[in-house]
Amino acid sequence: MVNLGKRRVIIDGKTWRGDKGNYPYEPVIYSGVKISFGGDSCSDHPEPSTASLSMWLPKDHASWLPKLGQSVKVEVKSPGRYELYYSFFYGVIDSVKLVNGVLTDDQGVEVPGYRLNISCSDLLAVAGRSRVGAKPWPREKIPARVANINAAASGTGVTYSAIQPFGYDPIGVNTEVRERDVDHFSPLELFQTTVRAEGCLAISAQDAIRPRLELDLPAVLVVKLGEQVTVDRAYNVPAIPTGAIEYSAMELDATKVVDTVKVGYYAVYPNSGDYSSHEEALVLSSRTKKNDATVRSIDTDHVISRVATTDWKPVSTAALNALGATAELALAAQRHPRWRLADGLQILLSEYDLSQGQDKTLFLSFLSEEFRFGACLYIDGETEFLDSYQRVTSGEIVLAESDELTLNTEPADYSGTAAMTIGALTGQSASRTIHIGQLKSITADSTRLVSKIY
């Protein structure tokens, strides 16, 4: 029996225990919780997460009977004496199935109650079910646009935030989004194209819909005075031994190859006296053959100012800031086929040593709703065709008597920040004491997943 940690479910503010406790006299998780999350790729916004809960409710707690639309939170406790819980799911109840039952306690006493099967979806699903009815919005900065989305979504039960998980300041304080008609759009669609203007993806986290944290690359350059400069895992990347992975069939899939990236944005031409936003697109392509392009489209409300000219030229990626960098990285990494596991990365928790509290805390954080979509992991050992560094696109977490975990992944450089260049390295104070002799073990390939220096 393998257990990620003590768990609990909170429904409408009432806590259902994850252990047997005073079972069957208390409301408890009966046979488990299954959480599904993510999307096809970390280059696109994730789909809504879902949770299925099997619960036991004694009849003398009938007032606890869950109702449609009530909030649901699934949490797992970190090791140690402090009551620190990681959120694995937050959403609302979509359906409840009830069966009358009787359970017997250790003394043979029969306790009447209800076996419940509860289906839930996260805030992304809730946000997609409503439509905005409002006057057209003006061109404005991202925080102002998010405030307008919140006002239009008032009463839907969903909050939108321009602040990333565990952040303090909103994104895009200097990034403009276009004026637009908003009737008949969902608040989620409006939020997605807004945060995309800053190169971010929309996730459900910390009881709100937020821009996801930057998709960091998983390796760092380690610089120690007088020692060889090395490349190592970033501190927040868990290492999973190959012995803890159940390998499925591996595949190369031509449909996963992207040879063209199209970034939609909007431009204004104030020098011509035209202050309205015009839809334009930046198209990056590596296509060399006359065939149908496999296109990845990035839709956004990003606005830039341009100078009207008869010799019109396409905008540069630099003019689109983070959005342009995202497009360049996607094209560079996704234009060649890469090996993947056809049926996901099935992690055998019984073979994954999480006895050290620090390792378990890192792993629980890695699986939390704030980080898991787009999080990187390292496969420790021989991987044959598979890249050692992988980025999580989707997965399934089963919290039961013996927990189970399956993750779908893509190569870590399919999306993320730009790798560190020599120019960027030499511009950092920490690198100014490096001597040429300390770089003997460093190759261009070893730094392709490095974006930070320690």
Protein backbone atom coordinates (compact mmCIF):
# COMPACT_ATOMS: atom_id res chain seq x y z
CA MET A 1 0.00 0.00 0.00
CA VAL A 2 1.46 3.34 -1.12
CA ASN A 3 0.13 6.63 0.16
CA LEU A 4 1.13 10.13 -0.96
CA GLY A 5 0.00 11.50 2.40
CA LYS A 6 -2.93 12.27 4.63
CA ARG A 7 -5.79 13.61 2.54
CA ARG A 8 -9.08 15.37 3.10
CA VAL A 9 -12.04 16.63 1.07
CA ILE A 10 -13.72 19.91 1.98
CA ILE A 11 -17.27 20.30 0.62
CA ASP A 12 -19.00 23.62 1.25
CA GLY A 13 -16.69 24.26 4.20
CA LYS A 14 -17.24 20.84 5.83
CA THR A 15 -14.23 18.50 6.11
CA TRP A 16 -14.60 14.84 5.14
CA ARG A 17 -11.77 12.72 6.53
CA GLY A 18 -9.46 10.76 4.25
CA ASP A 19 -8.52 8.19 6.89
CA LYS A 20 -10.89 5.73 8.53
CA GLY A 21 -11.02 7.79 11.74
CA ASN A 22 -14.30 7.11 13.51
CA TYR A 23 -15.59 5.24 10.43
CA PRO A 24 -18.43 4.45 9.76
CA TYR A 25 -19.80 7.08 12.18
CA GLU A 26 -18.20 10.07 10.39
CA PRO A 27 -18.35 11.38 6.79
CA VAL A 28 -15.27 9.98 5.03
CA ILE A 29 -13.73 9.32 1.63
CA TYR A 30 -15.11 5.83 1.07
CA SER A 31 -13.06 4.21 -1.70
CA GLY A 32 -11.14 7.01 -3.34
CA VAL A 33 -10.76 10.17 -5.38
CA LYS A 34 -9.75 10.30 -9.06
CA ILE A 35 -8.49 13.59 -10.52
CA SER A 36 -7.91 14.13 -14.26
CA PHE A 37 -6.15 17.27 -15.47
CA GLY A 38 -4.26 18.98 -18.30
CA GLY A 39 -4.40 19.18 -22.08
CA ASP A 40 -2.74 17.96 -25.27
CA SER A 41 0.28 20.26 -25.03
CA CYS A 42 1.77 22.92 -22.79
CA SER A 43 1.77 25.21 -25.82
CA ASP A 44 -1.99 25.61 -25.38
CA HIS A 45 -4.37 26.39 -22.51
CA PRO A 46 -5.30 23.30 -20.45
CA GLU A 47 -8.75 21.75 -20.49
CA PRO A 48 -10.84 21.81 -17.29
CA SER A 49 -9.83 19.35 -14.55
CA THR A 50 -12.37 16.87 -13.19
CA ALA A 51 -12.66 14.92 -9.95
CA SER A 52 -14.69 11.82 -9.09
CA LEU A 53 -15.25 11.15 -5.39
CA SER A 54 -16.56 8.02 -3.66
CA MET A 55 -17.81 9.01 -0.19
CA TRP A 56 -19.62 7.58 2.86
CA LEU A 57 -22.18 9.69 4.76
CA PRO A 58 -23.88 8.28 7.90
CA LYS A 59 -27.58 9.18 8.07
CA ASP A 60 -27.19 11.13 11.30
CA HIS A 61 -25.04 13.56 9.22
CA ALA A 62 -27.74 13.96 6.56
CA SER A 63 -27.39 17.75 6.71
CA TRP A 64 -23.98 17.24 5.06
CA LEU A 65 -25.54 15.78 1.92
CA PRO A 66 -23.73 17.51 -0.99
CA LYS A 67 -25.66 19.78 -3.33
CA LEU A 68 -25.07 20.76 -6.93
CA GLY A 69 -22.81 23.78 -7.32
CA GLN A 70 -21.21 23.50 -3.87
CA SER A 71 -17.46 24.03 -3.68
CA VAL A 72 -15.12 21.03 -3.41
CA LYS A 73 -11.46 21.03 -2.43
CA VAL A 74 -9.18 17.96 -2.38
CA GLU A 75 -5.99 18.40 -0.34
CA VAL A 76 -3.00 16.26 0.63
CA LYS A 77 -0.88 17.02 3.70
CA SER A 78 2.86 17.47 3.46
CA PRO A 79 5.07 15.42 5.81
CA GLY A 80 6.06 16.94 9.14
CA ARG A 81 4.26 18.29 12.14
CA TYR A 82 2.86 21.41 10.49
CA GLU A 83 -0.66 21.39 9.03
CA LEU A 84 0.44 22.30 5.49
CA TYR A 85 -1.88 20.96 2.80
CA TYR A 86 -1.37 21.01 -0.97
CA SER A 87 -4.41 21.60 -3.14
CA PHE A 88 -4.89 18.84 -5.71
CA PHE A 89 -8.30 20.05 -6.89
CA TYR A 90 -10.71 22.94 -6.42
CA GLY A 91 -14.05 23.13 -8.20
CA VAL A 92 -17.78 22.61 -7.90
CA ILE A 93 -20.17 19.65 -7.81
CA ASP A 94 -21.75 18.72 -11.14
CA SER A 95 -23.63 15.56 -10.13
CA VAL A 96 -24.40 13.43 -7.07
CA LYS A 97 -25.47 9.77 -7.07
CA LEU A 98 -26.78 8.27 -3.83
CA VAL A 99 -27.32 4.67 -2.71
CA ASN A 100 -28.75 3.66 0.66
CA GLY A 101 -26.36 1.40 2.52
CA VAL A 102 -25.36 -0.13 5.81
CA LEU A 103 -21.83 -0.50 7.14
CA THR A 104 -20.74 -2.53 10.16
CA ASP A 105 -18.32 -1.20 12.77
CA ASP A 106 -15.63 -3.22 14.58
CA GLN A 107 -18.16 -4.34 17.19
CA GLY A 108 -20.63 -5.65 14.61
CA VAL A 109 -23.01 -2.71 14.98
CA GLU A 110 -24.79 -1.78 11.76
CA VAL A 111 -24.66 1.91 10.81
CA PRO A 112 -27.11 3.17 8.18
CA GLY A 113 -25.91 5.76 5.69
CA TYR A 114 -25.40 6.74 2.06
CA ARG A 115 -22.77 5.72 -0.46
CA LEU A 116 -22.16 8.77 -2.64
CA ASN A 117 -20.54 9.14 -6.04
CA ILE A 118 -19.81 12.80 -6.72
CA SER A 119 -18.58 14.28 -10.03
CA CYS A 120 -16.90 17.69 -10.01
CA SER A 121 -15.23 20.08 -12.44
CA ASP A 122 -12.84 22.94 -11.80
CA LEU A 123 -13.31 26.66 -12.33
CA LEU A 124 -12.25 26.52 -15.98
CA ALA A 125 -15.38 24.48 -16.72
CA VAL A 126 -17.60 26.81 -14.71
CA ALA A 127 -16.13 29.84 -16.47
CA GLY A 128 -16.78 28.34 -19.89
CA ARG A 129 -20.50 27.85 -19.21
CA SER A 130 -21.45 31.53 -18.98
CA ARG A 131 -21.53 34.32 -21.55
CA VAL A 132 -20.71 38.01 -21.23
CA GLY A 133 -23.23 40.70 -22.07
CA ALA A 134 -21.60 44.12 -21.97
CA LYS A 135 -20.77 47.17 -24.06
CA PRO A 136 -17.54 46.96 -26.10
CA TRP A 137 -14.37 47.41 -24.05
CA PRO A 138 -11.65 49.97 -24.89
CA ARG A 139 -8.00 49.23 -25.53
CA GLU A 140 -6.39 48.86 -22.09
CA LYS A 141 -3.60 47.26 -20.04
CA ILE A 142 -3.96 43.64 -18.90
CA PRO A 143 -4.83 44.36 -15.20
CA ALA A 144 -7.62 46.72 -16.32
CA ARG A 145 -8.94 44.10 -18.75
CA VAL A 146 -9.01 41.46 -16.00
CA ALA A 147 -10.96 43.89 -13.79
CA ASN A 148 -13.52 44.26 -16.61
CA ILE A 149 -13.75 40.47 -16.95
CA ASN A 150 -14.45 40.16 -13.22
CA ALA A 151 -17.16 42.80 -13.42
CA ALA A 152 -18.79 41.08 -16.40
CA ALA A 153 -18.56 37.67 -14.68
CA SER A 154 -20.08 38.88 -11.43
CA GLY A 155 -22.49 36.30 -10.08
CA THR A 156 -20.94 33.33 -11.90
CA GLY A 157 -18.99 32.20 -8.83
CA VAL A 158 -15.62 32.53 -10.57
CA THR A 159 -12.87 35.05 -9.80
CA TYR A 160 -10.20 36.03 -12.34
CA SER A 161 -6.78 37.26 -11.25
CA ALA A 162 -3.89 38.84 -13.15
CA ILE A 163 -1.55 37.62 -10.39
CA GLN A 164 0.25 34.30 -10.87
CA PRO A 165 0.09 31.64 -8.11
CA PHE A 166 2.06 32.77 -5.03
CA GLY A 167 2.78 36.08 -6.77
CA TYR A 168 2.34 39.65 -5.58
CA ASP A 169 2.14 41.80 -8.70
CA PRO A 170 -0.16 41.49 -11.72
CA ILE A 171 1.25 40.54 -15.10
CA GLY A 172 1.14 42.82 -18.14
CA VAL A 173 1.12 46.21 -16.44
CA ASN A 174 2.74 47.60 -19.61
CA THR A 175 1.06 45.31 -22.14
CA GLU A 176 -2.01 46.53 -24.00
CA VAL A 177 -4.87 44.40 -25.27
CA ARG A 178 -7.22 45.47 -28.03
CA GLU A 179 -10.59 47.16 -27.88
CA ARG A 180 -13.22 44.53 -28.57
CA ASP A 181 -16.84 43.51 -28.70
CA VAL A 182 -17.42 41.04 -25.86
CA ASP A 183 -21.04 39.93 -26.34
CA HIS A 184 -21.56 36.17 -26.60
CA PHE A 185 -18.02 35.31 -25.46
CA SER A 186 -17.38 33.39 -22.26
CA PRO A 187 -15.32 35.13 -19.55
CA LEU A 188 -12.82 32.29 -19.90
CA GLU A 189 -12.25 32.97 -23.62
CA LEU A 190 -11.68 36.65 -22.87
CA PHE A 191 -9.25 35.84 -20.07
CA GLN A 192 -7.32 33.33 -22.18
CA THR A 193 -6.68 35.76 -25.04
CA THR A 194 -5.79 38.45 -22.49
CA VAL A 195 -3.08 36.56 -20.57
CA ARG A 196 -1.81 35.06 -23.84
CA ALA A 197 -0.77 38.60 -24.77
CA GLU A 198 1.91 38.24 -22.09
CA GLY A 199 2.81 34.69 -23.21
CA CYS A 200 0.91 33.05 -20.32
CA LEU A 201 -1.61 30.21 -20.08
CA ALA A 202 -4.81 30.25 -18.02
CA ILE A 203 -5.13 27.73 -15.17
CA SER A 204 -7.43 27.13 -12.20
CA ALA A 205 -5.43 27.63 -9.00
CA GLN A 206 -5.90 28.99 -5.49
CA ASP A 207 -9.68 29.36 -5.85
CA ALA A 208 -9.40 31.54 -8.98
CA ILE A 209 -8.46 31.47 -12.66
CA ARG A 210 -4.94 32.80 -13.04
CA PRO A 211 -2.04 33.07 -15.48
CA ARG A 212 0.27 30.11 -14.96
CA LEU A 213 3.78 30.72 -13.69
CA GLU A 214 6.46 30.98 -16.36
CA LEU A 215 7.28 27.58 -17.89
CA ASP A 216 10.90 27.43 -16.77
CA LEU A 217 13.45 25.17 -18.37
CA PRO A 218 14.44 22.34 -16.01
CA ALA A 219 18.24 22.71 -15.82
CA VAL A 220 20.53 25.27 -14.20
CA LEU A 221 24.18 26.20 -14.55
CA VAL A 222 25.95 25.62 -11.23
CA VAL A 223 28.90 27.95 -10.61
CA LYS A 224 31.11 27.43 -7.55
CA LEU A 225 34.29 29.38 -6.93
CA GLY A 226 37.31 27.43 -8.17
CA GLU A 227 35.30 24.36 -9.23
CA GLN A 228 34.17 22.98 -12.55
CA VAL A 229 31.01 24.61 -13.89
CA THR A 230 28.31 21.97 -14.18
CA VAL A 231 24.76 21.57 -15.43
CA ASP A 232 22.29 20.15 -12.90
CA ARG A 233 18.56 19.85 -12.25
CA ALA A 234 16.75 22.94 -11.02
CA TYR A 235 15.81 22.67 -7.34
CA ASN A 236 12.10 22.27 -8.12
CA VAL A 237 12.44 19.36 -10.57
CA PRO A 238 11.81 15.91 -9.02
CA ALA A 239 14.00 12.99 -10.15
CA ILE A 240 12.04 9.80 -10.81
CA PRO A 241 14.15 6.63 -11.13
CA THR A 242 13.60 4.51 -14.23
CA GLY A 243 12.76 1.59 -11.95
CA ALA A 244 9.68 3.49 -10.78
CA ILE A 245 8.32 3.91 -14.31
CA GLU A 246 6.21 1.36 -16.11
CA TYR A 247 7.11 1.88 -19.74
CA SER A 248 4.41 1.57 -22.38
CA ALA A 249 4.94 1.49 -26.13
CA MET A 250 7.00 4.37 -27.50
CA GLU A 251 5.94 6.25 -30.60
CA LEU A 252 6.99 8.84 -33.15
CA ASP A 253 3.96 10.75 -34.38
CA ALA A 254 4.06 13.02 -37.42
CA THR A 255 0.88 14.77 -36.24
CA LYS A 256 2.84 16.14 -33.26
CA VAL A 257 5.34 17.90 -35.54
CA VAL A 258 4.85 21.65 -36.05
CA ASP A 259 6.52 23.41 -38.97
CA THR A 260 4.58 26.68 -38.81
CA VAL A 261 3.61 28.86 -35.86
CA LYS A 262 1.03 31.58 -36.40
CA VAL A 263 0.70 34.30 -33.76
CA GLY A 264 -2.41 36.44 -33.95
CA TYR A 265 -2.09 39.99 -32.63
CA TYR A 266 -3.54 43.45 -33.31
CA ALA A 267 -1.87 46.64 -34.54
CA VAL A 268 -2.74 50.33 -34.43
CA TYR A 269 -1.33 52.95 -36.81
CA PRO A 270 -1.51 56.25 -34.86
CA ASN A 271 0.72 58.11 -37.34
CA SER A 272 -1.97 57.70 -39.99
CA GLY A 273 -4.67 58.94 -37.62
CA ASP A 274 -6.15 55.44 -37.36
CA TYR A 275 -6.48 54.41 -33.71
CA SER A 276 -8.55 51.26 -34.23
CA SER A 277 -6.98 47.83 -33.84
CA HIS A 278 -6.36 45.80 -36.99
CA GLU A 279 -5.98 42.03 -36.87
CA GLU A 280 -2.60 40.84 -38.09
CA ALA A 281 -0.52 37.68 -37.75
CA LEU A 282 3.14 36.78 -37.46
CA VAL A 283 3.89 33.52 -39.26
CA LEU A 284 7.11 31.64 -38.52
CA SER A 285 7.84 28.60 -40.66
CA SER A 286 10.57 26.00 -41.07
CA ARG A 287 8.83 24.28 -43.96
CA THR A 288 11.20 23.25 -46.75
CA LYS A 289 8.87 21.04 -48.81
CA LYS A 290 5.74 21.96 -50.75
CA ASN A 291 3.31 20.21 -48.46
CA ASP A 292 0.50 21.24 -46.16
CA ALA A 293 1.93 23.00 -43.13
CA THR A 294 1.24 21.66 -39.65
CA VAL A 295 0.29 24.91 -37.94
CA ARG A 296 0.17 25.82 -34.26
CA SER A 297 -1.92 28.94 -33.76
CA ILE A 298 -1.53 31.25 -30.78
CA ASP A 299 -4.57 33.50 -30.38
CA THR A 300 -4.19 36.68 -28.37
CA ASP A 301 -5.55 40.20 -27.93
CA HIS A 302 -2.04 41.68 -27.80
CA VAL A 303 -1.79 45.19 -29.31
CA ILE A 304 1.27 46.96 -30.68
CA SER A 305 1.69 50.42 -32.22
CA ARG A 306 3.03 50.56 -35.75
CA VAL A 307 4.07 53.31 -38.18
CA ALA A 308 2.03 53.47 -41.39
CA THR A 309 4.26 53.01 -44.43
CA THR A 310 3.82 52.10 -48.06
CA ASP A 311 6.69 49.62 -47.69
CA TRP A 312 4.87 47.49 -45.11
CA LYS A 313 6.91 44.73 -43.48
CA PRO A 314 5.84 41.97 -41.09
CA VAL A 315 6.37 42.68 -37.41
CA SER A 316 9.41 41.09 -35.74
CA THR A 317 9.21 38.56 -32.92
CA ALA A 318 11.03 41.05 -30.68
CA ALA A 319 8.14 43.49 -31.06
CA LEU A 320 5.83 40.90 -29.50
CA ASN A 321 8.04 40.44 -26.42
CA ALA A 322 7.23 37.23 -24.49
CA LEU A 323 4.69 36.21 -27.12
CA GLY A 324 7.32 36.34 -29.88
CA ALA A 325 9.78 34.33 -27.81
CA THR A 326 7.10 31.70 -27.18
CA ALA A 327 6.52 31.35 -30.93
CA GLU A 328 10.23 31.02 -31.72
CA LEU A 329 10.75 28.38 -29.04
CA ALA A 330 7.72 26.36 -30.13
CA LEU A 331 8.93 26.26 -33.73
CA ALA A 332 12.51 25.38 -32.82
CA ALA A 333 11.57 22.48 -30.55
CA GLN A 334 8.50 21.07 -32.29
CA ARG A 335 9.64 20.95 -35.91
CA HIS A 336 11.25 17.52 -35.52
CA PRO A 337 9.54 14.31 -34.34
CA ARG A 338 10.48 13.23 -30.80
CA TRP A 339 9.88 9.95 -29.02
CA ARG A 340 6.98 9.78 -26.55
CA LEU A 341 5.32 7.16 -24.39
CA ALA A 342 2.10 6.19 -26.17
CA ASP A 343 0.13 5.56 -22.97
CA GLY A 344 1.75 8.01 -20.61
CA LEU A 345 4.30 7.76 -17.84
CA GLN A 346 2.88 5.34 -15.28
CA ILE A 347 4.77 5.97 -12.04
CA LEU A 348 4.98 3.01 -9.68
CA LEU A 349 4.79 4.80 -6.36
CA SER A 350 5.82 1.59 -4.58
CA GLU A 351 9.21 1.87 -6.34
CA TYR A 352 9.63 5.61 -5.81
CA ASP A 353 11.37 6.33 -2.52
CA LEU A 354 9.64 9.29 -0.92
CA SER A 355 10.76 8.47 2.62
CA GLN A 356 12.71 11.72 2.86
CA GLY A 357 10.36 14.51 3.87
CA GLN A 358 12.04 17.03 1.58
CA ASP A 359 11.59 14.77 -1.49
CA LYS A 360 7.95 14.11 -0.64
CA THR A 361 7.20 17.79 -0.11
CA LEU A 362 8.73 18.60 -3.51
CA PHE A 363 6.67 15.84 -5.15
CA LEU A 364 3.41 16.99 -3.56
CA SER A 365 4.12 20.55 -4.71
CA PHE A 366 4.88 19.18 -8.19
CA LEU A 367 1.43 17.48 -8.26
CA SER A 368 -0.50 20.45 -6.86
CA GLU A 369 -2.94 22.34 -9.07
CA GLU A 370 -0.68 25.42 -9.10
CA PHE A 371 2.29 23.65 -10.71
CA ARG A 372 1.51 20.25 -12.30
CA PHE A 373 0.42 21.49 -15.74
CA GLY A 374 3.71 22.40 -17.41
CA ALA A 375 5.88 21.11 -14.54
CA CYS A 376 9.14 19.41 -15.44
CA LEU A 377 10.46 16.08 -14.18
CA TYR A 378 13.74 14.24 -14.64
CA ILE A 379 13.92 10.53 -15.46
CA ASP A 380 16.93 9.30 -13.51
CA GLY A 381 18.61 6.46 -15.40
CA GLU A 382 18.79 5.01 -18.89
CA THR A 383 15.85 6.22 -20.97
CA GLU A 384 16.81 4.81 -24.39
CA PHE A 385 14.95 6.99 -26.92
CA LEU A 386 13.10 9.18 -24.44
CA ASP A 387 14.44 12.60 -23.40
CA SER A 388 15.49 12.57 -19.72
CA TYR A 389 13.67 15.85 -19.07
CA GLN A 390 9.91 15.81 -19.63
CA ARG A 391 7.15 18.38 -19.14
CA VAL A 392 3.74 17.30 -17.83
CA THR A 393 0.83 17.97 -20.20
CA SER A 394 -1.91 15.97 -18.46
CA GLY A 395 -2.44 13.13 -16.04
CA GLU A 396 -4.56 11.17 -13.63
CA ILE A 397 -4.13 11.04 -9.85
CA VAL A 398 -5.96 8.35 -7.88
CA LEU A 399 -6.07 8.81 -4.10
CA ALA A 400 -7.23 5.48 -2.69
CA GLU A 401 -6.04 2.79 -0.32
CA SER A 402 -3.04 2.51 -2.64
CA ASP A 403 -2.46 5.69 -4.64
CA GLU A 404 -1.85 5.64 -8.41
CA LEU A 405 -0.31 8.18 -10.78
CA THR A 406 -0.15 8.41 -14.59
CA LEU A 407 1.38 11.43 -16.35
CA ASN A 408 1.35 12.33 -20.03
CA THR A 409 4.42 14.31 -21.03
CA GLU A 410 6.22 16.04 -23.86
CA PRO A 411 9.90 17.02 -24.20
CA ALA A 412 10.73 19.82 -21.77
CA ASP A 413 11.86 22.27 -24.45
CA TYR A 414 8.56 22.09 -26.40
CA SER A 415 7.53 25.15 -24.43
CA GLY A 416 9.19 27.41 -21.90
CA THR A 417 11.60 30.25 -21.53
CA ALA A 418 14.56 30.77 -23.86
CA ALA A 419 17.72 28.85 -23.11
CA MET A 420 20.62 30.82 -21.70
CA THR A 421 23.03 32.22 -24.28
CA ILE A 422 26.73 32.92 -23.80
CA GLY A 423 25.93 36.61 -23.95
CA ALA A 424 23.39 36.26 -21.15
CA LEU A 425 25.84 34.22 -19.13
CA THR A 426 28.67 36.73 -19.33
CA GLY A 427 26.30 39.53 -18.36
CA GLN A 428 25.61 38.00 -14.94
CA SER A 429 27.77 38.92 -11.97
CA ALA A 430 27.92 35.31 -10.77
CA SER A 431 29.69 34.31 -13.99
CA ARG A 432 32.47 36.91 -13.97
CA THR A 433 34.82 34.75 -11.94
CA ILE A 434 34.57 31.78 -14.33
CA HIS A 435 37.80 30.72 -16.01
CA ILE A 436 37.93 28.92 -19.36
CA GLY A 437 39.32 25.80 -17.67
CA GLN A 438 36.17 25.48 -15.57
CA LEU A 439 34.02 25.02 -18.68
CA LYS A 440 35.58 21.75 -19.88
CA SER A 441 32.48 19.68 -19.20
CA ILE A 442 30.04 22.17 -20.74
CA THR A 443 28.71 21.55 -24.25
CA ALA A 444 26.17 23.38 -26.37
CA ASP A 445 23.79 20.43 -25.99
CA SER A 446 24.10 20.39 -22.19
CA THR A 447 23.00 24.03 -21.96
CA ARG A 448 19.98 23.85 -24.26
CA LEU A 449 17.70 23.34 -21.23
CA VAL A 450 19.42 25.96 -19.01
CA SER A 451 17.74 29.28 -18.33
CA LYS A 452 19.19 30.14 -14.91
CA ILE A 453 22.53 30.27 -13.17
CA TYR A 454 23.13 29.26 -9.52
